[in-house]
PDB file of N, CA and C in Angstrom:
ATOM      1  N   UNK A   1       1.701  -9.159  20.918  1.00  0.00           N
ATOM      2  CA  UNK A   1       1.106  -8.236  21.882  1.00  0.00           C
ATOM      3  C   UNK A   1      -0.147  -8.905  22.505  1.00  0.00           C
ATOM      4  N   UNK A   2      -0.958  -9.550  21.630  1.00  0.00           N
ATOM      5  CA  UNK A   2      -2.159 -10.227  22.139  1.00  0.00           C
ATOM      6  C   UNK A   2      -1.787 -11.316  23.132  1.00  0.00           C
ATOM      7  N   UNK A   3      -0.862 -12.201  22.769  1.00  0.00           N
ATOM      8  CA  UNK A   3      -0.513 -13.287  23.635  1.00  0.00           C
ATOM      9  C   UNK A   3       0.134 -12.778  24.920  1.00  0.00           C
ATOM     10  N   UNK A   4       0.857 -11.728  24.869  1.00  0.00           N
ATOM     11  CA  UNK A   4       1.530 -11.144  25.985  1.00  0.00           C
ATOM     12  C   UNK A   4       0.514 -10.547  26.991  1.00  0.00           C
ATOM     13  N   UNK A   5      -0.697 -10.362  26.556  1.00  0.00           N
ATOM     14  CA  UNK A   5      -1.692  -9.765  27.448  1.00  0.00           C
ATOM     15  C   UNK A   5      -2.897 -10.706  27.717  1.00  0.00           C
ATOM     16  N   UNK A   6      -2.666 -11.938  27.508  1.00  0.00           N
ATOM     17  CA  UNK A   6      -3.703 -12.926  27.769  1.00  0.00           C
ATOM     18  C   UNK A   6      -4.253 -12.851  29.175  1.00  0.00           C
ATOM     19  N   UNK A   7      -3.384 -12.536  30.079  1.00  0.00           N
ATOM     20  CA  UNK A   7      -3.787 -12.474  31.529  1.00  0.00           C
ATOM     21  C   UNK A   7      -4.847 -11.385  31.784  1.00  0.00           C
ATOM     22  N   UNK A   8      -4.936 -10.453  30.856  1.00  0.00           N
ATOM     23  CA  UNK A   8      -5.951  -9.387  30.949  1.00  0.00           C
ATOM     24  C   UNK A   8      -7.273  -9.728  30.369  1.00  0.00           C
ATOM     25  N   UNK A   9      -7.325 -10.862  29.700  1.00  0.00           N
ATOM     26  CA  UNK A   9      -8.565 -11.223  28.970  1.00  0.00           C
ATOM     27  C   UNK A   9      -9.151 -12.487  29.592  1.00  0.00           C
ATOM     28  N   UNK A  10     -10.491 -12.630  29.459  1.00  0.00           N
ATOM     29  CA  UNK A  10     -11.195 -13.783  29.925  1.00  0.00           C
ATOM     30  C   UNK A  10     -10.662 -15.089  29.284  1.00  0.00           C
ATOM     31  N   UNK A  11     -10.626 -16.151  30.048  1.00  0.00           N
ATOM     32  CA  UNK A  11     -10.039 -17.449  29.533  1.00  0.00           C
ATOM     33  C   UNK A  11     -10.831 -17.875  28.281  1.00  0.00           C
ATOM     34  N   UNK A  12     -12.117 -17.531  28.229  1.00  0.00           N
ATOM     35  CA  UNK A  12     -13.005 -17.982  27.126  1.00  0.00           C
ATOM     36  C   UNK A  12     -12.521 -17.433  25.789  1.00  0.00           C
ATOM     37  N   UNK A  13     -11.776 -16.309  25.804  1.00  0.00           N
ATOM     38  CA  UNK A  13     -11.362 -15.779  24.502  1.00  0.00           C
ATOM     39  C   UNK A  13      -9.924 -16.224  24.144  1.00  0.00           C
ATOM     40  N   UNK A  14      -9.304 -16.951  24.996  1.00  0.00           N
ATOM     41  CA  UNK A  14      -7.900 -17.381  24.737  1.00  0.00           C
ATOM     42  C   UNK A  14      -7.819 -18.230  23.409  1.00  0.00           C
ATOM     43  N   UNK A  15      -8.760 -19.175  23.177  1.00  0.00           N
ATOM     44  CA  UNK A  15      -8.694 -19.908  21.906  1.00  0.00           C
ATOM     45  C   UNK A  15      -8.810 -18.977  20.686  1.00  0.00           C
ATOM     46  N   UNK A  16      -9.646 -17.937  20.782  1.00  0.00           N
ATOM     47  CA  UNK A  16      -9.851 -16.996  19.724  1.00  0.00           C
ATOM     48  C   UNK A  16      -8.530 -16.229  19.484  1.00  0.00           C
ATOM     49  N   UNK A  17      -7.868 -15.819  20.549  1.00  0.00           N
ATOM     50  CA  UNK A  17      -6.609 -15.088  20.445  1.00  0.00           C
ATOM     51  C   UNK A  17      -5.569 -16.009  19.733  1.00  0.00           C
ATOM     52  N   UNK A  18      -5.537 -17.292  20.119  1.00  0.00           N
ATOM     53  CA  UNK A  18      -4.648 -18.226  19.442  1.00  0.00           C
ATOM     54  C   UNK A  18      -4.899 -18.298  17.950  1.00  0.00           C
ATOM     55  N   UNK A  19      -6.203 -18.422  17.579  1.00  0.00           N
ATOM     56  CA  UNK A  19      -6.571 -18.465  16.144  1.00  0.00           C
ATOM     57  C   UNK A  19      -6.162 -17.185  15.440  1.00  0.00           C
ATOM     58  N   UNK A  20      -6.406 -16.051  16.110  1.00  0.00           N
ATOM     59  CA  UNK A  20      -6.092 -14.750  15.509  1.00  0.00           C
ATOM     60  C   UNK A  20      -4.615 -14.631  15.216  1.00  0.00           C
ATOM     61  N   UNK A  21      -3.801 -15.070  16.170  1.00  0.00           N
ATOM     62  CA  UNK A  21      -2.347 -14.851  16.022  1.00  0.00           C
ATOM     63  C   UNK A  21      -1.813 -15.907  15.012  1.00  0.00           C
ATOM     64  N   UNK A  22      -2.329 -17.139  15.049  1.00  0.00           N
ATOM     65  CA  UNK A  22      -1.802 -18.148  14.119  1.00  0.00           C
ATOM     66  C   UNK A  22      -2.218 -17.837  12.695  1.00  0.00           C
ATOM     67  N   UNK A  23      -3.452 -17.291  12.521  1.00  0.00           N
ATOM     68  CA  UNK A  23      -3.910 -16.909  11.201  1.00  0.00           C
ATOM     69  C   UNK A  23      -3.557 -15.516  10.770  1.00  0.00           C
ATOM     70  N   UNK A  24      -2.840 -14.781  11.677  1.00  0.00           N
ATOM     71  CA  UNK A  24      -2.444 -13.387  11.355  1.00  0.00           C
ATOM     72  C   UNK A  24      -3.604 -12.557  10.864  1.00  0.00           C
ATOM     73  N   UNK A  25      -4.704 -12.654  11.561  1.00  0.00           N
ATOM     74  CA  UNK A  25      -5.927 -11.948  11.213  1.00  0.00           C
ATOM     75  C   UNK A  25      -5.748 -10.438  11.182  1.00  0.00           C
ATOM     76  N   UNK A  26      -5.032  -9.845  12.151  1.00  0.00           N
ATOM     77  CA  UNK A  26      -4.977  -8.382  12.210  1.00  0.00           C
ATOM     78  C   UNK A  26      -4.271  -7.830  10.979  1.00  0.00           C
ATOM     79  N   UNK A  27      -3.259  -8.561  10.444  1.00  0.00           N
ATOM     80  CA  UNK A  27      -2.578  -8.096   9.187  1.00  0.00           C
ATOM     81  C   UNK A  27      -3.594  -8.096   8.063  1.00  0.00           C
ATOM     82  N   UNK A  28      -4.479  -9.056   8.019  1.00  0.00           N
ATOM     83  CA  UNK A  28      -5.474  -9.143   6.977  1.00  0.00           C
ATOM     84  C   UNK A  28      -6.409  -7.952   7.034  1.00  0.00           C
ATOM     85  N   UNK A  29      -6.673  -7.417   8.262  1.00  0.00           N
ATOM     86  CA  UNK A  29      -7.596  -6.260   8.401  1.00  0.00           C
ATOM     87  C   UNK A  29      -6.967  -5.000   7.941  1.00  0.00           C
ATOM     88  N   UNK A  30      -5.704  -4.994   7.505  1.00  0.00           N
ATOM     89  CA  UNK A  30      -5.007  -3.792   7.080  1.00  0.00           C
ATOM     90  C   UNK A  30      -5.433  -3.365   5.692  1.00  0.00           C
ATOM     91  N   UNK A  31      -6.119  -4.206   4.997  1.00  0.00           N
ATOM     92  CA  UNK A  31      -6.603  -3.883   3.600  1.00  0.00           C
ATOM     93  C   UNK A  31      -8.100  -4.022   3.469  1.00  0.00           C
ATOM     94  N   UNK A  32      -8.685  -3.245   2.560  1.00  0.00           N
ATOM     95  CA  UNK A  32     -10.094  -3.358   2.359  1.00  0.00           C
ATOM     96  C   UNK A  32     -10.483  -4.778   1.917  1.00  0.00           C
ATOM     97  N   UNK A  33      -9.703  -5.385   1.119  1.00  0.00           N
ATOM     98  CA  UNK A  33      -9.966  -6.748   0.621  1.00  0.00           C
ATOM     99  C   UNK A  33      -9.942  -7.743   1.809  1.00  0.00           C
ATOM    100  N   UNK A  34      -8.978  -7.538   2.719  1.00  0.00           N
ATOM    101  CA  UNK A  34      -8.870  -8.391   3.916  1.00  0.00           C
ATOM    102  C   UNK A  34     -10.092  -8.239   4.817  1.00  0.00           C
ATOM    103  N   UNK A  35     -10.548  -7.031   4.988  1.00  0.00           N
ATOM    104  CA  UNK A  35     -11.779  -6.767   5.796  1.00  0.00           C
ATOM    105  C   UNK A  35     -12.983  -7.432   5.143  1.00  0.00           C
ATOM    106  N   UNK A  36     -13.090  -7.250   3.830  1.00  0.00           N
ATOM    107  CA  UNK A  36     -14.187  -7.821   3.110  1.00  0.00           C
ATOM    108  C   UNK A  36     -14.168  -9.362   3.212  1.00  0.00           C
ATOM    109  N   UNK A  37     -13.009  -9.962   3.111  1.00  0.00           N
ATOM    110  CA  UNK A  37     -12.905 -11.444   3.256  1.00  0.00           C
ATOM    111  C   UNK A  37     -13.342 -11.853   4.663  1.00  0.00           C
ATOM    112  N   UNK A  38     -12.894 -11.187   5.667  1.00  0.00           N
ATOM    113  CA  UNK A  38     -13.258 -11.441   7.039  1.00  0.00           C
ATOM    114  C   UNK A  38     -14.785 -11.362   7.265  1.00  0.00           C
ATOM    115  N   UNK A  39     -15.397 -10.343   6.742  1.00  0.00           N
ATOM    116  CA  UNK A  39     -16.852 -10.170   6.858  1.00  0.00           C
ATOM    117  C   UNK A  39     -17.593 -11.297   6.122  1.00  0.00           C
ATOM    118  N   UNK A  40     -17.134 -11.624   4.939  1.00  0.00           N
ATOM    119  CA  UNK A  40     -17.795 -12.747   4.232  1.00  0.00           C
ATOM    120  C   UNK A  40     -17.631 -14.075   4.957  1.00  0.00           C
ATOM    121  N   UNK A  41     -16.447 -14.277   5.598  1.00  0.00           N
ATOM    122  CA  UNK A  41     -16.266 -15.451   6.392  1.00  0.00           C
ATOM    123  C   UNK A  41     -17.177 -15.547   7.625  1.00  0.00           C
ATOM    124  N   UNK A  42     -17.318 -14.409   8.255  1.00  0.00           N
ATOM    125  CA  UNK A  42     -18.262 -14.317   9.411  1.00  0.00           C
ATOM    126  C   UNK A  42     -19.663 -14.621   8.964  1.00  0.00           C
ATOM    127  N   UNK A  43     -20.100 -14.084   7.812  1.00  0.00           N
ATOM    128  CA  UNK A  43     -21.399 -14.279   7.286  1.00  0.00           C
ATOM    129  C   UNK A  43     -21.651 -15.754   6.959  1.00  0.00           C
ATOM    130  N   UNK A  44     -20.627 -16.413   6.485  1.00  0.00           N
ATOM    131  CA  UNK A  44     -20.773 -17.843   6.089  1.00  0.00           C
ATOM    132  C   UNK A  44     -20.832 -18.757   7.276  1.00  0.00           C
ATOM    133  N   UNK A  45     -20.215 -18.345   8.418  1.00  0.00           N
ATOM    134  CA  UNK A  45     -20.147 -19.197   9.574  1.00  0.00           C
ATOM    135  C   UNK A  45     -21.353 -19.058  10.530  1.00  0.00           C
ATOM    136  N   UNK A  46     -21.959 -17.918  10.543  1.00  0.00           N
ATOM    137  CA  UNK A  46     -23.048 -17.606  11.479  1.00  0.00           C
ATOM    138  C   UNK A  46     -24.296 -17.082  10.812  1.00  0.00           C
ATOM    139  N   UNK A  47     -25.392 -17.790  10.887  1.00  0.00           N
ATOM    140  CA  UNK A  47     -26.640 -17.318  10.298  1.00  0.00           C
ATOM    141  C   UNK A  47     -27.017 -15.892  10.754  1.00  0.00           C
ATOM    142  N   UNK A  48     -26.797 -15.610  12.012  1.00  0.00           N
ATOM    143  CA  UNK A  48     -27.165 -14.322  12.587  1.00  0.00           C
ATOM    144  C   UNK A  48     -26.331 -13.215  11.900  1.00  0.00           C
ATOM    145  N   UNK A  49     -25.195 -13.536  11.353  1.00  0.00           N
ATOM    146  CA  UNK A  49     -24.328 -12.552  10.703  1.00  0.00           C
ATOM    147  C   UNK A  49     -24.395 -12.573   9.208  1.00  0.00           C
ATOM    148  N   UNK A  50     -25.388 -13.237   8.641  1.00  0.00           N
ATOM    149  CA  UNK A  50     -25.467 -13.436   7.222  1.00  0.00           C
ATOM    150  C   UNK A  50     -25.445 -12.118   6.420  1.00  0.00           C
ATOM    151  N   UNK A  51     -26.057 -11.081   6.917  1.00  0.00           N
ATOM    152  CA  UNK A  51     -26.152  -9.822   6.264  1.00  0.00           C
ATOM    153  C   UNK A  51     -24.857  -9.031   6.238  1.00  0.00           C
ATOM    154  N   UNK A  52     -23.931  -9.406   7.169  1.00  0.00           N
ATOM    155  CA  UNK A  52     -22.662  -8.689   7.218  1.00  0.00           C
ATOM    156  C   UNK A  52     -21.801  -8.945   6.039  1.00  0.00           C
ATOM    157  N   UNK A  53     -22.086  -9.980   5.308  1.00  0.00           N
ATOM    158  CA  UNK A  53     -21.223 -10.345   4.160  1.00  0.00           C
ATOM    159  C   UNK A  53     -21.210  -9.305   3.067  1.00  0.00           C
ATOM    160  N   UNK A  54     -22.187  -8.386   3.043  1.00  0.00           N
ATOM    161  CA  UNK A  54     -22.206  -7.321   2.033  1.00  0.00           C
ATOM    162  C   UNK A  54     -21.570  -6.013   2.532  1.00  0.00           C
ATOM    163  N   UNK A  55     -21.158  -6.026   3.766  1.00  0.00           N
ATOM    164  CA  UNK A  55     -20.619  -4.826   4.408  1.00  0.00           C
ATOM    165  C   UNK A  55     -19.318  -4.350   3.734  1.00  0.00           C
ATOM    166  N   UNK A  56     -18.579  -5.308   3.146  1.00  0.00           N
ATOM    167  CA  UNK A  56     -17.358  -4.894   2.487  1.00  0.00           C
ATOM    168  C   UNK A  56     -17.565  -3.902   1.320  1.00  0.00           C
ATOM    169  N   UNK A  57     -18.655  -4.130   0.642  1.00  0.00           N
ATOM    170  CA  UNK A  57     -19.027  -3.187  -0.443  1.00  0.00           C
ATOM    171  C   UNK A  57     -19.325  -1.824   0.085  1.00  0.00           C
ATOM    172  N   UNK A  58     -20.041  -1.780   1.191  1.00  0.00           N
ATOM    173  CA  UNK A  58     -20.336  -0.493   1.889  1.00  0.00           C
ATOM    174  C   UNK A  58     -19.018   0.196   2.337  1.00  0.00           C
ATOM    175  N   UNK A  59     -18.078  -0.586   2.827  1.00  0.00           N
ATOM    176  CA  UNK A  59     -16.772  -0.049   3.148  1.00  0.00           C
ATOM    177  C   UNK A  59     -16.101   0.610   1.914  1.00  0.00           C
ATOM    178  N   UNK A  60     -16.091  -0.127   0.826  1.00  0.00           N
ATOM    179  CA  UNK A  60     -15.504   0.384  -0.403  1.00  0.00           C
ATOM    180  C   UNK A  60     -16.210   1.641  -0.879  1.00  0.00           C
ATOM    181  N   UNK A  61     -17.521   1.603  -0.895  1.00  0.00           N
ATOM    182  CA  UNK A  61     -18.315   2.767  -1.391  1.00  0.00           C
ATOM    183  C   UNK A  61     -18.133   3.978  -0.522  1.00  0.00           C
ATOM    184  N   UNK A  62     -17.879   3.845   0.739  1.00  0.00           N
ATOM    185  CA  UNK A  62     -17.836   4.946   1.685  1.00  0.00           C
ATOM    186  C   UNK A  62     -16.481   5.099   2.419  1.00  0.00           C
ATOM    187  N   UNK A  63     -15.435   4.518   1.786  1.00  0.00           N
ATOM    188  CA  UNK A  63     -14.154   4.441   2.450  1.00  0.00           C
ATOM    189  C   UNK A  63     -13.637   5.757   2.937  1.00  0.00           C
ATOM    190  N   UNK A  64     -13.708   6.824   2.111  1.00  0.00           N
ATOM    191  CA  UNK A  64     -13.132   8.120   2.514  1.00  0.00           C
ATOM    192  C   UNK A  64     -13.804   8.655   3.739  1.00  0.00           C
ATOM    193  N   UNK A  65     -15.126   8.465   3.860  1.00  0.00           N
ATOM    194  CA  UNK A  65     -15.867   8.942   5.071  1.00  0.00           C
ATOM    195  C   UNK A  65     -15.428   8.130   6.293  1.00  0.00           C
ATOM    196  N   UNK A  66     -15.382   6.810   6.172  1.00  0.00           N
ATOM    197  CA  UNK A  66     -15.000   5.953   7.326  1.00  0.00           C
ATOM    198  C   UNK A  66     -13.532   6.303   7.685  1.00  0.00           C
ATOM    199  N   UNK A  67     -12.708   6.490   6.732  1.00  0.00           N
ATOM    200  CA  UNK A  67     -11.283   6.758   7.012  1.00  0.00           C
ATOM    201  C   UNK A  67     -11.147   8.088   7.800  1.00  0.00           C
ATOM    202  N   UNK A  68     -11.869   9.122   7.394  1.00  0.00           N
ATOM    203  CA  UNK A  68     -11.832  10.389   8.152  1.00  0.00           C
ATOM    204  C   UNK A  68     -12.321  10.236   9.540  1.00  0.00           C
ATOM    205  N   UNK A  69     -13.426   9.504   9.736  1.00  0.00           N
ATOM    206  CA  UNK A  69     -13.911   9.260  11.078  1.00  0.00           C
ATOM    207  C   UNK A  69     -12.883   8.473  11.919  1.00  0.00           C
ATOM    208  N   UNK A  70     -12.248   7.500  11.299  1.00  0.00           N
ATOM    209  CA  UNK A  70     -11.252   6.738  12.034  1.00  0.00           C
ATOM    210  C   UNK A  70     -10.031   7.588  12.413  1.00  0.00           C
ATOM    211  N   UNK A  71      -9.563   8.428  11.499  1.00  0.00           N
ATOM    212  CA  UNK A  71      -8.479   9.300  11.788  1.00  0.00           C
ATOM    213  C   UNK A  71      -8.775  10.242  12.970  1.00  0.00           C
ATOM    214  N   UNK A  72     -10.051  10.658  13.100  1.00  0.00           N
ATOM    215  CA  UNK A  72     -10.437  11.486  14.229  1.00  0.00           C
ATOM    216  C   UNK A  72     -10.514  10.712  15.529  1.00  0.00           C
ATOM    217  N   UNK A  73     -10.880   9.463  15.450  1.00  0.00           N
ATOM    218  CA  UNK A  73     -11.067   8.518  16.621  1.00  0.00           C
ATOM    219  C   UNK A  73      -9.740   7.963  17.077  1.00  0.00           C
ATOM    220  N   UNK A  74      -8.788   7.721  16.220  1.00  0.00           N
ATOM    221  CA  UNK A  74      -7.533   6.980  16.532  1.00  0.00           C
ATOM    222  C   UNK A  74      -6.727   7.592  17.743  1.00  0.00           C
ATOM    223  N   UNK A  75      -6.512   8.908  17.759  1.00  0.00           N
ATOM    224  CA  UNK A  75      -5.744   9.431  18.878  1.00  0.00           C
ATOM    225  C   UNK A  75      -6.313   9.133  20.293  1.00  0.00           C
ATOM    226  N   UNK A  76      -7.696   9.229  20.366  1.00  0.00           N
ATOM    227  CA  UNK A  76      -8.321   8.867  21.624  1.00  0.00           C
ATOM    228  C   UNK A  76      -8.204   7.410  21.971  1.00  0.00           C
ATOM    229  N   UNK A  77      -8.322   6.599  20.924  1.00  0.00           N
ATOM    230  CA  UNK A  77      -8.177   5.134  21.136  1.00  0.00           C
ATOM    231  C   UNK A  77      -6.824   4.846  21.644  1.00  0.00           C
ATOM    232  N   UNK A  78      -5.787   5.432  21.084  1.00  0.00           N
ATOM    233  CA  UNK A  78      -4.407   5.212  21.550  1.00  0.00           C
ATOM    234  C   UNK A  78      -4.231   5.590  22.997  1.00  0.00           C
ATOM    235  N   UNK A  79      -4.762   6.767  23.357  1.00  0.00           N
ATOM    236  CA  UNK A  79      -4.672   7.237  24.741  1.00  0.00           C
ATOM    237  C   UNK A  79      -5.367   6.259  25.693  1.00  0.00           C
ATOM    238  N   UNK A  80      -6.596   5.843  25.330  1.00  0.00           N
ATOM    239  CA  UNK A  80      -7.318   4.951  26.214  1.00  0.00           C
ATOM    240  C   UNK A  80      -6.627   3.572  26.328  1.00  0.00           C
ATOM    241  N   UNK A  81      -6.047   3.094  25.276  1.00  0.00           N
ATOM    242  CA  UNK A  81      -5.314   1.822  25.359  1.00  0.00           C
ATOM    243  C   UNK A  81      -4.104   1.940  26.222  1.00  0.00           C
ATOM    244  N   UNK A  82      -3.433   3.062  26.105  1.00  0.00           N
ATOM    245  CA  UNK A  82      -2.254   3.272  26.982  1.00  0.00           C
ATOM    246  C   UNK A  82      -2.694   3.330  28.420  1.00  0.00           C
ATOM    247  N   UNK A  83      -3.730   4.046  28.723  1.00  0.00           N
ATOM    248  CA  UNK A  83      -4.290   4.081  30.095  1.00  0.00           C
ATOM    249  C   UNK A  83      -4.610   2.723  30.615  1.00  0.00           C
ATOM    250  N   UNK A  84      -5.285   1.912  29.786  1.00  0.00           N
ATOM    251  CA  UNK A  84      -5.651   0.531  30.230  1.00  0.00           C
ATOM    252  C   UNK A  84      -4.429  -0.325  30.467  1.00  0.00           C
ATOM    253  N   UNK A  85      -3.465  -0.300  29.557  1.00  0.00           N
ATOM    254  CA  UNK A  85      -2.284  -1.147  29.687  1.00  0.00           C
ATOM    255  C   UNK A  85      -1.350  -0.754  30.802  1.00  0.00           C
ATOM    256  N   UNK A  86      -1.317   0.579  31.115  1.00  0.00           N
ATOM    257  CA  UNK A  86      -0.444   1.048  32.150  1.00  0.00           C
ATOM    258  C   UNK A  86      -1.130   1.178  33.481  1.00  0.00           C
ATOM    259  N   UNK A  87      -2.477   1.170  33.446  1.00  0.00           N
ATOM    260  CA  UNK A  87      -3.218   1.336  34.676  1.00  0.00           C
ATOM    261  C   UNK A  87      -3.202   2.789  35.194  1.00  0.00           C
ATOM    262  N   UNK A  88      -2.957   3.708  34.315  1.00  0.00           N
ATOM    263  CA  UNK A  88      -2.976   5.139  34.742  1.00  0.00           C
ATOM    264  C   UNK A  88      -3.625   5.989  33.699  1.00  0.00           C
ATOM    265  N   UNK A  89      -4.124   7.171  34.149  1.00  0.00           N
ATOM    266  CA  UNK A  89      -4.755   8.109  33.204  1.00  0.00           C
ATOM    267  C   UNK A  89      -3.666   8.981  32.597  1.00  0.00           C
ATOM    268  N   UNK A  90      -3.530   8.890  31.263  1.00  0.00           N
ATOM    269  CA  UNK A  90      -2.566   9.724  30.517  1.00  0.00           C
ATOM    270  C   UNK A  90      -3.219  10.868  29.770  1.00  0.00           C
ATOM    271  N   UNK A  91      -4.537  10.971  29.777  1.00  0.00           N
ATOM    272  CA  UNK A  91      -5.224  11.998  28.993  1.00  0.00           C
ATOM    273  C   UNK A  91      -5.469  13.192  29.785  1.00  0.00           C
TER     274      UNK A  91
END
């Protein structure tokens, strides 16, 4: 899906999209452990993000709350994505 929509994204992010698809990053984000790993990796690579390495624990500690918020947000996200991809208002 990402590669099929590269024409919609700035050229500067194309290498990131390649890395994301080759490393299957999005599948990793499907689990709390995968998210925690990603956050720790970001913290290790960028000094400005050093504090984000502990965010995985916050996710675990407050997962039910975050999950409820996301469940409320997801339908609107899907609608807006469909609008963007089709170029029309579906809401």
